[in-house]
Structure formats: C-alpha cells, structure tokens
Protein backbone atom coordinates (compact mmCIF):
# COMPACT_ATOMS: atom_id res chain seq x y z
CA MET A 1 106.13 129.41 55.13
CA SER A 2 107.42 129.02 51.90
CA ARG A 3 107.60 125.51 49.98
CA THR A 4 111.10 125.44 47.85
CA ARG A 5 112.83 122.57 46.71
CA LEU A 6 114.42 120.30 49.44
CA PRO A 7 118.29 119.96 49.43
CA ILE A 8 118.19 116.05 50.54
CA GLY A 9 119.57 115.08 46.86
CA ARG A 10 122.07 117.55 46.33
CA ALA A 11 123.26 116.93 50.47
CA LEU A 12 123.46 113.21 49.55
CA GLY A 13 125.35 114.19 46.46
CA VAL A 14 127.90 116.19 47.80
CA PHE A 15 128.63 113.73 50.69
CA LEU A 16 129.36 111.06 47.81
CA THR A 17 131.51 113.52 46.14
CA VAL A 18 133.81 114.68 48.94
CA THR A 19 134.10 111.48 50.58
CA LEU A 20 135.12 109.33 47.28
CA ALA A 21 137.64 111.84 46.41
CA ALA A 22 139.95 110.79 49.31
CA SER A 23 141.82 107.59 49.88
CA GLY A 24 142.30 105.64 53.39
CA THR A 25 141.53 102.40 55.16
CA ALA A 26 138.21 100.83 56.83
CA SER A 27 136.77 97.56 57.76
CA ALA A 28 133.64 95.97 56.26
CA HIS A 29 130.53 94.67 58.62
CA GLN A 30 128.85 91.38 58.09
CA VAL A 31 131.61 90.22 55.91
CA GLY A 32 133.91 88.08 58.02
CA GLY A 33 135.80 90.98 59.64
CA THR A 34 137.28 91.71 56.06
CA ARG A 35 139.12 94.78 55.99
CA PHE A 36 139.82 96.11 52.66
CA GLN A 37 141.40 99.67 50.68
CA THR A 38 138.39 102.31 50.35
CA PRO A 39 138.91 105.78 49.29
CA ILE A 40 136.94 106.75 52.49
CA PRO A 41 139.19 107.45 55.25
CA LEU A 42 137.26 107.17 58.48
CA TRP A 43 138.03 111.04 59.66
CA LEU A 44 136.34 112.14 56.49
CA LEU A 45 133.33 109.49 56.38
CA PHE A 46 132.24 110.60 60.16
CA GLY A 47 132.79 113.93 59.72
CA GLY A 48 131.27 115.05 56.32
CA ALA A 49 128.21 112.00 57.03
CA ALA A 50 127.55 114.34 60.46
CA ALA A 51 128.25 117.71 58.24
CA THR A 52 125.66 116.91 55.52
CA VAL A 53 122.85 115.85 58.15
CA GLY A 54 123.65 118.77 60.84
CA LEU A 55 124.05 121.30 57.92
CA THR A 56 120.79 119.52 55.78
CA ALA A 57 118.73 120.49 59.11
CA VAL A 58 119.92 123.87 59.43
CA GLY A 59 119.70 124.78 55.99
CA LEU A 60 116.19 123.71 55.89
CA ALA A 61 115.37 126.16 59.04
CA VAL A 62 117.33 129.11 57.51
CA GLY A 63 115.93 128.49 54.17
CA GLY A 64 111.87 128.35 54.87
CA SER A 65 111.77 125.60 53.04
CA ARG A 66 109.08 122.99 54.27
CA PRO A 67 108.47 119.44 52.89
CA THR A 68 104.47 119.09 51.34
CA VAL A 69 102.64 117.06 53.85
CA SER A 70 98.79 115.67 53.23
CA ALA A 71 95.89 117.67 54.40
CA ALA A 72 95.33 114.96 57.03
CA ASP A 73 99.00 114.94 58.21
CA THR A 74 98.76 118.78 58.75
CA THR A 75 95.35 118.59 60.58
CA ALA A 76 96.44 116.13 62.88
CA SER A 77 97.39 117.27 66.01
CA ALA A 78 100.56 116.04 68.02
CA ALA A 79 98.68 114.73 70.73
CA ASP A 80 95.12 113.48 68.76
CA THR A 81 95.92 109.50 69.09
CA THR A 82 92.76 109.04 67.41
CA ALA A 83 93.44 110.40 64.08
CA PRO A 84 94.24 107.54 61.40
CA ASP A 85 97.42 106.41 60.77
CA ALA A 86 99.84 107.81 58.32
CA GLU A 87 99.42 104.84 55.65
CA ALA A 88 95.95 105.92 55.41
CA THR A 89 96.51 109.13 55.27
CA ALA A 90 99.74 110.28 53.56
CA ALA A 91 98.99 111.74 50.02
CA SER A 92 100.34 110.30 47.07
CA ARG A 93 100.02 110.31 43.35
CA ARG A 94 98.78 107.78 41.39
CA VAL A 95 101.00 106.24 38.89
CA LEU A 96 98.98 103.02 38.00
CA ARG A 97 95.69 101.42 38.87
CA ILE A 98 95.00 97.88 39.03
CA PRO A 99 91.34 96.43 38.01
CA THR A 100 89.67 95.05 41.57
CA PRO A 101 89.63 90.92 40.18
CA VAL A 102 93.58 91.07 39.25
CA GLY A 103 94.17 93.05 42.97
CA ASP A 104 92.20 90.78 44.85
CA ALA A 105 93.45 87.57 42.91
CA ALA A 106 97.04 88.68 44.05
CA ALA A 107 96.62 88.94 47.39
CA THR A 108 94.12 85.81 47.67
CA LEU A 109 97.42 84.24 46.15
CA ALA A 110 99.71 86.07 48.71
CA ARG A 111 97.54 84.83 51.66
CA VAL A 112 97.17 81.60 50.88
CA GLY A 113 100.75 81.03 49.94
CA PHE A 114 102.26 82.82 53.05
CA LEU A 115 99.96 80.36 55.23
CA ALA A 116 101.26 77.60 53.36
CA LEU A 117 104.68 78.49 53.99
CA VAL A 118 104.09 79.04 57.42
CA SER A 119 102.70 76.06 58.04
CA LEU A 120 105.52 74.02 55.91
CA ALA A 121 108.19 75.76 58.10
CA ILE A 122 106.46 74.39 61.53
CA VAL A 123 105.99 71.07 60.13
CA ALA A 124 109.74 71.00 58.82
CA GLY A 125 111.03 72.38 62.27
CA PHE A 126 109.95 69.42 63.50
CA VAL A 127 110.50 66.86 61.48
CA GLY A 128 112.78 67.72 58.66
CA PRO A 129 116.06 68.03 58.98
CA GLN A 130 118.10 69.90 61.98
CA THR A 131 120.72 71.15 59.58
CA PRO A 132 119.89 75.38 59.87
CA ALA A 133 121.16 75.69 55.40
CA ARG A 134 118.94 72.56 54.79
CA ASN A 135 115.77 73.31 56.84
CA VAL A 136 112.86 75.43 55.31
CA ALA A 137 111.94 77.13 58.72
CA THR A 138 115.67 78.29 59.46
CA LEU A 139 115.58 79.98 56.31
CA PHE A 140 112.52 81.26 55.60
CA VAL A 141 111.40 82.54 58.93
CA TRP A 142 114.44 84.74 60.20
CA ALA A 143 115.61 85.53 56.91
CA VAL A 144 113.30 85.94 53.93
CA TRP A 145 109.86 86.60 56.93
CA LEU A 146 111.18 88.33 59.60
CA LYS A 147 113.66 90.44 57.62
CA GLY A 148 112.52 90.58 54.21
CA VAL A 149 108.63 91.56 54.54
CA GLY A 150 110.33 94.15 56.52
CA ILE A 151 112.04 95.39 53.48
CA LEU A 152 109.05 94.98 51.25
CA ALA A 153 107.17 97.15 54.04
CA ALA A 154 109.47 99.86 53.54
CA VAL A 155 109.51 99.78 49.54
CA VAL A 156 105.65 99.13 48.60
CA GLY A 157 104.30 99.98 52.03
CA ASP A 158 103.07 97.39 54.58
CA PRO A 159 101.23 94.30 53.31
CA TRP A 160 100.97 92.23 56.57
CA PRO A 161 97.41 92.99 56.82
CA VAL A 162 97.41 90.23 54.08
CA LEU A 163 100.20 88.51 54.97
CA SER A 164 99.68 87.49 58.63
CA PRO A 165 98.77 83.91 58.87
CA TRP A 166 96.59 84.10 62.13
CA ARG A 167 94.92 86.94 60.92
CA THR A 168 93.66 84.74 57.66
CA VAL A 169 93.11 81.72 60.03
CA TYR A 170 90.50 84.69 61.99
CA GLU A 171 89.13 86.01 59.13
CA GLY A 172 87.84 82.31 57.64
CA LEU A 173 86.91 81.64 61.12
CA ALA A 174 85.01 85.32 61.10
CA ARG A 175 83.87 84.48 57.67
CA ILE A 176 82.08 80.99 59.09
CA GLU A 177 80.39 82.33 61.98
CA GLY A 178 79.37 85.60 59.66
CA GLU A 179 80.52 88.41 61.73
CA GLU A 180 83.73 89.56 63.77
CA ILE A 181 84.48 86.92 66.41
CA SER A 182 85.15 88.67 69.65
CA ILE A 183 84.40 88.41 73.46
CA MET A 184 85.76 91.81 74.93
CA THR A 185 86.66 95.22 73.39
CA TYR A 186 90.39 95.74 73.23
CA PRO A 187 91.49 97.37 76.36
CA GLU A 188 92.66 100.79 74.50
CA ARG A 189 94.97 101.20 78.09
CA LEU A 190 96.74 98.40 76.08
CA GLY A 191 97.61 100.62 73.18
CA GLU A 192 100.73 98.86 70.93
CA TRP A 193 102.45 97.89 74.64
CA PRO A 194 101.64 94.50 73.80
CA ALA A 195 103.37 94.43 70.50
CA LEU A 196 106.28 96.22 72.12
CA ILE A 197 107.12 93.21 74.24
CA GLY A 198 106.91 91.32 71.35
CA VAL A 199 109.56 93.02 69.60
CA LEU A 200 111.95 92.80 72.16
CA ALA A 201 111.62 89.26 72.86
CA TRP A 202 111.41 88.06 69.05
CA VAL A 203 113.21 90.60 66.75
CA GLY A 204 115.46 91.67 69.98
CA ILE A 205 116.41 89.04 71.83
CA ALA A 206 116.00 86.00 70.13
CA GLU A 207 117.38 87.02 66.84
CA ASN A 208 120.05 88.22 67.61
CA LEU A 209 120.86 86.66 71.25
CA THR A 210 119.84 83.30 71.09
CA VAL A 211 121.01 80.02 68.49
CA LEU A 212 116.98 79.73 67.92
CA PRO A 213 117.73 81.16 63.86
CA ARG A 214 120.14 78.11 63.97
CA SER A 215 117.58 75.76 65.36
CA PRO A 216 114.74 74.39 63.29
CA ALA A 217 113.03 72.95 65.94
CA GLY A 218 113.64 76.01 67.97
CA THR A 219 112.20 78.03 65.01
CA ALA A 220 109.33 75.78 64.60
CA VAL A 221 108.51 76.32 68.80
CA VAL A 222 108.75 79.84 68.64
CA VAL A 223 106.48 80.59 65.24
CA LEU A 224 103.58 78.24 66.53
CA GLY A 225 103.91 80.02 70.35
CA TYR A 226 103.57 83.18 68.57
CA ALA A 227 100.72 81.82 66.18
CA ILE A 228 98.48 80.52 69.16
CA THR A 229 99.02 83.54 71.12
CA MET A 230 97.82 85.90 68.48
CA LEU A 231 94.97 83.27 67.26
CA ALA A 232 93.78 83.55 70.65
CA GLY A 233 94.29 87.13 71.39
CA GLY A 234 92.41 87.94 68.30
CA LEU A 235 89.48 85.08 69.55
CA VAL A 236 89.03 87.28 72.38
CA PHE A 237 89.73 91.19 71.58
CA GLY A 238 88.49 90.69 67.58
CA ARG A 239 90.12 92.80 64.72
CA ALA A 240 92.04 95.03 66.92
CA TRP A 241 94.23 92.60 68.63
CA PHE A 242 95.95 91.89 65.75
CA ARG A 243 96.43 95.49 64.92
CA ARG A 244 98.05 96.50 67.74
CA ALA A 245 99.04 93.60 69.96
CA ASP A 246 101.26 91.99 67.15
CA ALA A 247 104.83 93.12 67.25
CA LEU A 248 105.07 92.20 63.38
CA ALA A 249 102.04 93.97 62.43
CA VAL A 250 102.84 97.03 64.16
CA LEU A 251 107.16 97.17 63.19
CA TYR A 252 105.96 96.63 59.46
CA ARG A 253 103.45 99.40 59.70
CA LEU A 254 105.65 101.71 61.48
CA PHE A 255 108.53 100.55 58.27
CA GLY A 256 105.84 100.64 55.61
CA ARG A 257 105.46 104.91 56.57
CA VAL A 258 108.38 105.52 54.95
CA ALA A 259 107.91 103.65 51.95
CA PRO A 260 107.62 105.74 48.95
CA LEU A 261 105.26 103.59 46.60
CA ASP A 262 101.63 103.61 48.29
CA VAL A 263 99.00 100.60 47.48
CA ARG A 264 95.76 100.83 48.41
CA ARG A 265 91.80 99.91 47.67
CA THR A 266 89.52 102.24 46.42
CA GLU A 267 86.00 101.62 45.00
CA ASP A 268 87.79 101.26 41.14
CA GLY A 269 90.67 99.18 42.16
CA TYR A 270 93.66 99.16 43.87
CA ARG A 271 95.71 102.48 43.39
CA VAL A 272 99.31 103.13 43.31
CA GLY A 273 100.84 106.23 44.03
CA LEU A 274 104.51 107.75 44.46
CA ARG A 275 105.41 109.80 47.24
CA PRO A 276 108.19 111.37 49.15
CA PRO A 277 109.83 108.85 52.38
CA TRP A 278 109.50 111.18 54.55
CA ARG A 279 105.49 112.52 53.71
CA GLY A 280 103.96 109.37 56.04
CA CYS A 281 106.59 110.15 58.96
CA THR A 282 105.26 113.48 59.71
CA ALA A 283 101.95 112.30 61.60
CA PRO A 284 102.19 111.86 65.35
CA ALA A 285 102.14 108.28 66.55
CA ARG A 286 98.75 107.27 68.32
CA SER A 287 100.06 106.10 71.40
CA LEU A 288 103.15 106.19 73.51
CA GLY A 289 103.31 102.20 72.92
CA GLY A 290 104.18 103.08 69.61
CA VAL A 291 106.62 105.55 70.13
CA ALA A 292 108.75 102.84 72.08
CA VAL A 293 108.51 100.25 69.53
CA ALA A 294 109.55 103.57 66.88
CA VAL A 295 112.47 103.69 68.87
CA ALA A 296 113.15 100.50 70.04
CA ALA A 297 113.16 99.18 66.44
CA VAL A 298 115.78 102.07 65.57
CA TYR A 299 118.08 100.20 68.47
CA THR A 300 117.45 97.07 67.79
CA VAL A 301 118.76 97.03 64.27
CA SER A 302 121.82 98.66 65.13
CA PHE A 303 122.64 96.58 68.36
CA ASP A 304 122.02 93.46 65.85
CA ALA A 305 125.21 95.03 63.82
CA PHE A 306 126.79 96.41 67.19
CA THR A 307 127.30 92.51 68.79
CA GLY A 308 129.59 91.43 65.84
CA THR A 309 132.24 94.12 66.85
CA PRO A 310 135.33 93.70 69.41
CA GLU A 311 134.17 96.57 71.59
CA TYR A 312 130.36 94.61 71.79
CA ARG A 313 132.45 91.10 73.10
CA SER A 314 134.57 93.07 75.31
CA ILE A 315 131.92 94.88 77.13
CA LEU A 316 129.82 91.66 77.36
CA PHE A 317 133.11 89.63 78.85
CA SER A 318 133.57 92.41 81.31
CA LEU A 319 129.81 92.60 82.51
CA ARG A 320 130.21 88.70 82.77
CA ASP A 321 133.00 88.97 84.78
CA ALA A 322 131.70 91.71 87.19
CA THR A 323 128.12 90.34 87.58
CA GLY A 324 128.60 86.73 87.42
CA LEU A 325 126.04 86.03 84.59
CA GLY A 326 126.35 83.75 81.66
CA PRO A 327 124.14 84.16 78.35
CA GLN A 328 121.70 86.04 80.38
CA ALA A 329 124.27 89.08 80.27
CA SER A 330 123.69 89.68 76.65
CA VAL A 331 120.28 90.23 77.72
CA LEU A 332 120.88 92.41 80.45
CA LEU A 333 123.09 94.72 77.64
CA TYR A 334 120.18 94.60 75.06
CA LEU A 335 117.64 95.86 77.33
CA ALA A 336 119.35 98.56 79.41
CA GLY A 337 120.10 99.98 75.54
CA VAL A 338 116.70 99.84 75.02
CA VAL A 339 115.84 102.21 78.35
CA LEU A 340 119.24 104.51 77.67
CA PHE A 341 117.58 104.91 73.78
CA VAL A 342 113.92 105.61 75.12
CA GLY A 343 115.17 107.82 78.04
CA ALA A 344 117.31 109.86 75.48
CA PHE A 345 114.59 110.47 73.17
CA VAL A 346 112.08 110.82 75.96
CA GLY A 347 114.89 113.46 77.18
CA VAL A 348 114.50 115.21 73.65
CA ALA A 349 110.87 115.52 73.32
CA ALA A 350 111.14 117.20 76.61
CA LEU A 351 113.85 119.63 75.56
CA THR A 352 111.96 120.36 72.05
CA THR A 353 109.03 121.55 74.04
CA ARG A 354 110.72 123.54 76.34
CA LEU A 355 112.43 125.27 73.85
CA SER A 356 109.58 125.99 71.78
CA ASN A 357 107.78 128.45 74.34
CA SER A 358 104.95 128.21 72.90
CA ALA A 359 101.44 126.56 74.05
CA ALA A 360 102.60 123.23 73.38
CA THR A 361 105.51 123.75 76.57
CA ALA A 362 102.25 123.65 78.67
CA ALA A 363 101.36 120.32 77.17
CA GLY A 364 104.55 118.69 78.80
CA TRP A 365 106.83 116.27 76.53
CA ARG A 366 104.08 113.28 75.46
CA PRO A 367 102.52 115.31 72.63
CA ALA A 368 105.94 116.29 71.39
CA ALA A 369 106.99 112.16 71.90
CA LEU A 370 104.11 111.24 69.37
CA ALA A 371 104.84 114.41 67.03
CA LEU A 372 108.60 112.98 66.56
CA ALA A 373 108.83 109.44 66.94
CA PRO A 374 107.83 108.52 63.39
CA THR A 375 110.45 110.69 62.07
CA LEU A 376 113.31 108.11 63.39
CA LEU A 377 111.33 105.71 61.34
CA PRO A 378 113.54 106.46 58.15
CA ILE A 379 116.99 105.76 59.90
CA ALA A 380 115.30 102.34 61.00
CA VAL A 381 114.49 101.41 57.43
CA ALA A 382 117.55 102.28 55.88
CA TYR A 383 119.45 100.46 58.50
CA GLU A 384 117.37 97.55 58.52
CA ILE A 385 117.96 97.35 54.67
CA GLY A 386 121.63 98.14 54.54
CA HIS A 387 122.23 96.06 57.09
CA ASN A 388 120.14 93.09 55.87
CA TYR A 389 119.66 92.86 51.71
CA PRO A 390 122.43 90.04 51.42
CA TYR A 391 121.33 88.26 54.18
CA VAL A 392 117.61 88.06 52.74
CA LEU A 393 118.57 87.93 49.16
CA GLY A 394 121.03 85.04 49.46
CA THR A 395 119.23 83.22 51.84
CA LEU A 396 116.07 83.69 49.56
CA GLY A 397 118.43 81.51 47.05
CA GLN A 398 118.70 78.50 49.72
CA LEU A 399 115.29 78.77 50.23
CA VAL A 400 114.86 78.13 46.40
CA GLY A 401 116.80 75.38 45.75
CA VAL A 402 115.74 73.64 49.22
CA LEU A 403 112.04 74.18 47.88
CA ALA A 404 112.70 72.80 44.62
CA GLY A 405 114.28 69.77 46.15
CA TYR A 406 110.96 68.71 47.58
CA VAL A 407 110.31 68.13 43.40
CA THR A 408 113.18 67.75 41.89
CA SER A 409 116.48 65.78 42.46
CA SER A 410 118.33 68.33 40.76
CA ALA A 411 117.79 71.71 42.73
CA PRO A 412 119.10 74.91 41.56
CA THR A 413 121.63 76.97 43.42
CA LEU A 414 121.15 80.41 43.45
CA THR A 415 123.18 83.01 44.33
CA PRO A 416 121.68 86.16 43.31
CA LEU A 417 124.24 88.39 44.76
CA SER A 418 127.53 86.56 43.11
CA TRP A 419 128.04 89.80 42.16
CA LEU A 420 128.51 92.04 45.00
CA SER A 421 131.81 92.91 46.28
CA VAL A 422 132.92 93.48 49.95
CA GLN A 423 133.53 97.49 48.79
CA GLY A 424 130.02 97.51 47.22
CA PHE A 425 128.34 95.85 50.43
CA TRP A 426 130.01 98.44 52.55
CA ALA A 427 129.46 101.23 50.22
CA SER A 428 125.84 100.50 49.74
CA GLN A 429 125.19 100.40 53.53
CA VAL A 430 127.10 104.12 53.77
CA VAL A 431 125.11 105.33 51.63
CA LEU A 432 121.17 104.39 52.62
CA ILE A 433 122.66 105.13 56.35
CA VAL A 434 123.08 108.68 55.50
CA ALA A 435 120.42 108.99 53.08
CA GLY A 436 118.04 107.92 55.95
CA HIS A 437 119.02 110.17 58.27
CA LEU A 438 118.83 113.16 55.92
CA VAL A 439 115.02 112.11 54.99
CA ALA A 440 114.35 111.85 58.85
CA VAL A 441 116.12 115.34 59.06
CA VAL A 442 113.37 116.51 56.12
CA ALA A 443 110.58 115.32 58.11
CA ALA A 444 111.38 116.22 61.97
CA HIS A 445 111.39 119.58 60.17
CA ALA A 446 108.22 119.17 59.08
CA VAL A 447 107.28 118.42 62.50
CA VAL A 448 109.55 121.35 64.62
CA VAL A 449 107.59 123.86 62.10
CA GLU A 450 103.92 123.53 64.08
CA TYR A 451 106.63 124.08 66.95
CA ALA A 452 108.30 127.33 65.93
CA PRO A 453 106.85 128.72 62.97
CA ALA A 454 109.49 131.20 63.03
CA ALA A 455 112.87 130.26 61.19
CA ARG A 456 115.18 131.26 64.42
CA SER A 457 113.03 129.76 66.36
CA ALA A 458 113.06 126.91 64.50
CA ILE A 459 116.88 126.26 64.65
CA ARG A 460 116.59 126.25 68.01
CA VAL A 461 113.56 123.64 68.39
CA HIS A 462 115.29 121.36 66.15
CA ALA A 463 118.26 121.69 67.74
CA PRO A 464 118.20 118.72 70.02
CA LEU A 465 116.63 116.04 67.75
CA ALA A 466 119.10 117.70 64.87
CA ALA A 467 121.99 116.39 67.13
CA LEU A 468 120.60 113.10 68.32
CA MET A 469 120.25 112.38 64.30
CA VAL A 470 123.84 113.44 63.75
CA ALA A 471 125.31 111.51 66.69
CA TYR A 472 123.68 108.30 65.38
CA THR A 473 125.20 109.08 62.21
CA VAL A 474 128.47 108.71 63.33
CA VAL A 475 127.45 105.58 65.96
CA SER A 476 125.88 103.84 62.95
CA LEU A 477 129.03 104.36 60.24
CA TRP A 478 131.10 103.71 62.99
CA THR A 479 129.32 100.14 63.66
CA ILE A 480 129.35 99.27 60.23
CA SER A 481 133.38 100.31 60.12
CA ARG A 482 134.33 97.43 62.80
CA PRO A 483 135.14 94.32 61.70
CA VAL A 484 133.10 90.97 62.50
CA VAL A 485 134.27 88.91 64.95
CA ALA A 486 133.10 85.45 65.57
C-alpha cells in the first residue's frame, strides 16, 4: 500500500479548532470537584473527539496510507511469540550519540542513586514521621517512583533495566559469583502472568483502593515484601525472572513502546534516536500474559480516575448494600472491570479475525490478540501522563524539600506547577487523551492491513477495534469531566 502523510496532526488540529470555537460548562477531574466555565460544551467535546478518532480510522483505510514500520516489525508475524520486543527492534532516526564512558557513568549514577532512594524510603517508612506529606516513603514510592518512572518510560523508553533495585542487587551478587545465578530455567508457561498479578495487586488495588499510599510504614512493608519476592525469584530463575515476572518491568517496557525517544547501547556508544510514537506498538506481544497486562494497564488508569466520581460512589454503595461487603466491594468492582475489559478486547480480536476472511481466520483469535494489544498502549500512556503529571511534579517538589531537610534547616518549598490553572490542566488532559487515541488508531491500522491488504476489506476489519477506541475516547473524556468527590 502507498505510504502517504498520516493525518494524525491534521485531525488533532481540526478537533481543537472546532471544540475551542464554542462555549459551555464542564468539570475538572482531580481538582477537588471544582467546576469552571470552559469553551467546550460536553456534547461538542464528546462528539468532536469521537468523530476525530473515527474519521481518522476511516481516512487511513480509504486513503490507503500506512505508517512506516521497521523491518523487524513487518517480518514478525502476529503469532511469533519468540520475536524480540518492539523496543529493541523498532527503527529510529539517530539524533545524538553519547560516548560510552559518559553513558556508563550516567547509568551507574542512576542505578546507585535509585537503589539508595529505595533503601531510604524503606528505612524512613519504618522509623520516620508517620505523616504522609513529611515521609520519604509515601512521597517517593507512589508518585515519583510508581507514576514518575512510568511517565519517564513513555518519553525516553524503558529505564527499568537500569533503575530496578532488586536487579541491581542481583547483578552485584552475580558479579561476585562470576556468572548468572539461577537454580532452574524460567518456565515458559508462566509468561508474563506473574507480572499481571503484580500489576493488579500493587498498581490496581494497593494504590487505588487502600490507605497504603497514606501510610509510611505500610508503604515500606509493600516495597520490602516486593523486593524480597523479586530477589528470591531472580536467584531461582535468573535474569528472565526480572524481565518477565516483575510487574514494573513489564509495565514500564510496555509504556516504553510509545516513547518518541529511543535510547540504546551500541558498539560505539549510546545511540539516541527519534521515532513516531506508534512505531513500537506495531510489533505483537510475546504472550497472552503480556496482552492481559496491556489491557489491564488501560483499564487501571481509567479506573483510578473513575474512583473519584459520584457515579463510582453510587455503584460502590449499591454493591455494598446488596452484598453486605465492606471494603472488599471496591476490590470486587475493580477485578470485575478487568475481566470485562479483557473479555471485550478478546471479543474484538475474535471479530477482527472473523471479518478478515483470510488465512488468519483459521489461526483463531490469539494471533490477533497478540498483534492488536500493543496498539492500545498509546491510550494507556496518554491517560497515564494526563492524569498523573500534576501529582508527580507536585509530589517531587515536596520530596526535594523533605530530602533537603536532612542536610539543612531551611529546606526549600518547590511548587513546579503553581502556574497551572484548573482550566489549563483540564485542557491538557483532553488534548493528551485525544492524541493518544489517534496514535492508537494509526498503530492499529498498521496491524490491520496485514490482515486485510485491500482498502475495502481494511475498513471492515478495522471497524471493531476502531469502534472500541471511539467508545473509550468518549468514556475517558466523560470521566475527566466529572467532579471529584471526597
């Protein structure tokens, strides 16, 4: 198919122009339920965003345009679960080369510094003040580490192989031993399923549905317990455990697929490249466990926002009244949502396969699920950044003040986002969400054309996933338009 200029920038520009031309009222999420006057009435916001995403998908299919992908991406079939991960193969244009000594020194400094911060957080969680706003554990772990590293991965690529504290300890032990330490080979049947459990338990439940983020001691227990589990698994299964079973490793690696920057080590130093954000999302996932993590990531960041809305509270209290459950009701709601999201995605993959009327039909839904799951990642990343960047930057300012307090009596107070208005924050969320869905549509189109090379059939085959993305666009924007309840 011909390669023409993709309409993503034009589509986003049209959406912004149209929506900013009208007036109305909306609410900003994550700002204490504040309502404010905006130039975007909700009916126009939802309709304009849905039309932008849907028409972009149709335009790509009808116009026959196709995003350029790397040779590694196009040669790896959807069913090839042994192909290298996309972040290691997706082509990029080099813009900078960092000399090896400089790159190695920076990596070592980051590795040691992060390990020191994690160690300090554990100690401070147990012996420091049990006030969340004054303790390194609560400030560092949940915002700067859990969310901040995720945003960093979405911008510069996955930094976790360098930062992972348990991997740093393991590599130190392996260096003393003189070889990789392992008792047995990592079982292929486990895939990324252990990582899925970690994502659901830590990112989904512990962060969103418990008081742990406000408990320094509880935070220290979580980090210490997870660190022991990861290190023990590494000593049993070797380096493969850190790559496939660590929830943070799998999650940050998936986020890194969307990064426009590509940093990798080569024979002549560290290579920094630029690439379109959809390019790393066109290679298939390696396993169904990875598919589940990708879908769960999309759902979890949306659930995080949804928990602050009046509608969530109404559903939660109704479930409690009907079942007699206490706090467990929120966990039940979260896990039920995960099952529904994964089920909906599997249904879309099966329908896509069925509509292709090609050899792919005989292979079933699994190859399609492996191929299509990474195309959802731009949505997860856009929502992750839009929903959390004020939280990360604001908490980072608090953390700097607390750390400075250890060495000086006049600790600075940093407010990096004091200039950001409620309207500006809300508008940035809208732009990021719509842009993320547009990038996802482009990535999905690149995958779909492998199932339906003809333009007419491409429209038919792309329709299920495009419809899902359009619906999710509206749901996402509706969520951030709702007021936050205490």
